[in-house]
Amino acid sequence: MGVLLSLAAALAYGVSDFIGGIAARRTSAWPVALASGIGALVGAVVLALAFPGDPAPAHLAWGCWPGSAAAPAPPSSTAASRPGGWAWWRRSRPSAPRCSRS
């Protein structure tokens, strides 16, 4: 059963990545990201309603930790992809001493 669920998850990931890539070529990445986030939320709500349960607080903590750890990713990837990129980082680090060859 675990192998079948893993294969289904891999197939769903591959299909969604392919469709997201095609959509991002046709329009800006922001509407694609918004639509994928809304789709994920709708899917999670449907699954939560279809399979009700009684999670323990430890289960909820294990579920919240990855989401909070991944929260800085979208703003930092956006900052890295704009013109100038991480210019604030390049200015703040010390430059290496230059060696002159005589």
Protein backbone atom coordinates (compact mmCIF):
# COMPACT_ATOMS: atom_id res chain seq x y z
CA MET A 1 0.00 0.00 0.00
CA GLY A 2 2.84 2.37 0.84
CA VAL A 3 4.45 1.81 -2.56
CA LEU A 4 1.18 2.57 -4.36
CA LEU A 5 0.65 5.76 -2.37
CA SER A 6 4.24 6.81 -3.09
CA LEU A 7 3.80 6.20 -6.81
CA ALA A 8 0.52 8.15 -6.81
CA ALA A 9 2.20 11.05 -4.99
CA ALA A 10 5.13 11.04 -7.43
CA LEU A 11 2.77 11.00 -10.40
CA ALA A 12 0.70 13.86 -8.99
CA TYR A 13 3.85 15.88 -8.27
CA GLY A 14 5.21 15.33 -11.77
CA VAL A 15 1.95 16.22 -13.49
CA SER A 16 1.46 19.35 -11.39
CA ASP A 17 5.06 20.44 -11.98
CA PHE A 18 4.66 19.97 -15.74
CA ILE A 19 1.33 21.84 -15.87
CA GLY A 20 2.71 24.61 -13.64
CA GLY A 21 5.71 25.02 -15.92
CA ILE A 22 3.53 25.31 -19.01
CA ALA A 23 1.23 27.80 -17.28
CA ALA A 24 4.18 29.88 -16.06
CA ARG A 25 5.46 30.22 -19.63
CA ARG A 26 2.13 31.59 -20.80
CA THR A 27 1.59 34.07 -17.99
CA SER A 28 3.36 35.56 -14.99
CA ALA A 29 4.45 33.24 -12.19
CA TRP A 30 2.29 35.05 -9.63
CA PRO A 31 -1.12 33.92 -10.96
CA VAL A 32 0.23 30.38 -11.33
CA ALA A 33 1.48 30.37 -7.72
CA LEU A 34 -1.82 31.80 -6.49
CA ALA A 35 -3.85 29.22 -8.40
CA SER A 36 -1.68 26.36 -7.16
CA GLY A 37 -1.98 27.59 -3.57
CA ILE A 38 -5.75 27.84 -3.82
CA GLY A 39 -5.90 24.39 -5.44
CA ALA A 40 -3.80 22.91 -2.64
CA LEU A 41 -6.03 24.53 -0.02
CA VAL A 42 -9.20 23.20 -1.67
CA GLY A 43 -7.67 19.74 -1.95
CA ALA A 44 -6.61 19.74 1.69
CA VAL A 45 -10.07 20.83 2.84
CA VAL A 46 -11.75 18.14 0.73
CA LEU A 47 -9.45 15.47 2.14
CA ALA A 48 -9.95 16.72 5.70
CA LEU A 49 -13.71 16.55 5.29
CA ALA A 50 -13.60 13.15 3.58
CA PHE A 51 -11.37 11.54 6.20
CA PRO A 52 -12.17 13.10 9.59
CA GLY A 53 -9.92 12.30 12.49
CA ASP A 54 -8.86 13.29 15.96
CA PRO A 55 -5.26 14.51 15.75
CA ALA A 56 -3.19 14.86 18.89
CA PRO A 57 -1.38 18.17 19.56
CA ALA A 58 1.92 16.47 18.70
CA HIS A 59 0.56 15.58 15.26
CA LEU A 60 -0.48 19.17 14.66
CA ALA A 61 2.95 20.40 15.75
CA TRP A 62 4.64 18.00 13.31
CA GLY A 63 2.35 19.35 10.58
CA CYS A 64 2.99 23.03 11.35
CA TRP A 65 6.76 22.80 11.62
CA PRO A 66 7.52 22.20 7.90
CA GLY A 67 5.14 24.95 6.84
CA SER A 68 6.71 27.51 9.15
CA ALA A 69 10.20 26.44 8.09
CA ALA A 70 9.29 26.88 4.40
CA ALA A 71 7.65 30.29 4.87
CA PRO A 72 10.77 32.35 4.04
CA ALA A 73 11.29 30.56 0.71
CA PRO A 74 8.93 32.54 -1.60
CA PRO A 75 10.10 36.03 -0.55
CA SER A 76 13.76 35.05 -0.72
CA SER A 77 13.45 33.41 -4.13
CA THR A 78 11.62 36.51 -5.39
CA ALA A 79 14.37 38.74 -4.03
CA ALA A 80 17.05 36.63 -5.67
CA SER A 81 15.35 36.67 -9.07
CA ARG A 82 14.78 40.41 -9.41
CA PRO A 83 17.36 42.64 -11.11
CA GLY A 84 20.20 43.26 -8.70
CA GLY A 85 19.37 40.05 -6.85
CA TRP A 86 20.98 39.84 -3.46
CA ALA A 87 22.77 43.19 -3.83
CA TRP A 88 22.42 43.91 -0.10
CA TRP A 89 24.30 40.68 0.63
CA ARG A 90 27.17 41.48 -1.71
CA ARG A 91 27.66 44.90 -0.15
CA SER A 92 27.63 43.64 3.43
CA ARG A 93 30.26 40.93 3.16
CA PRO A 94 33.92 41.89 3.29
CA SER A 95 35.76 41.81 0.03
CA ALA A 96 38.78 39.57 -0.35
CA PRO A 97 42.16 41.25 -0.40
CA ARG A 98 43.54 41.67 -3.88
CA CYS A 99 46.93 40.28 -4.58
CA SER A 100 49.07 41.98 -7.17
CA ARG A 101 51.45 39.92 -9.18
CA SER A 102 54.65 41.75 -10.03
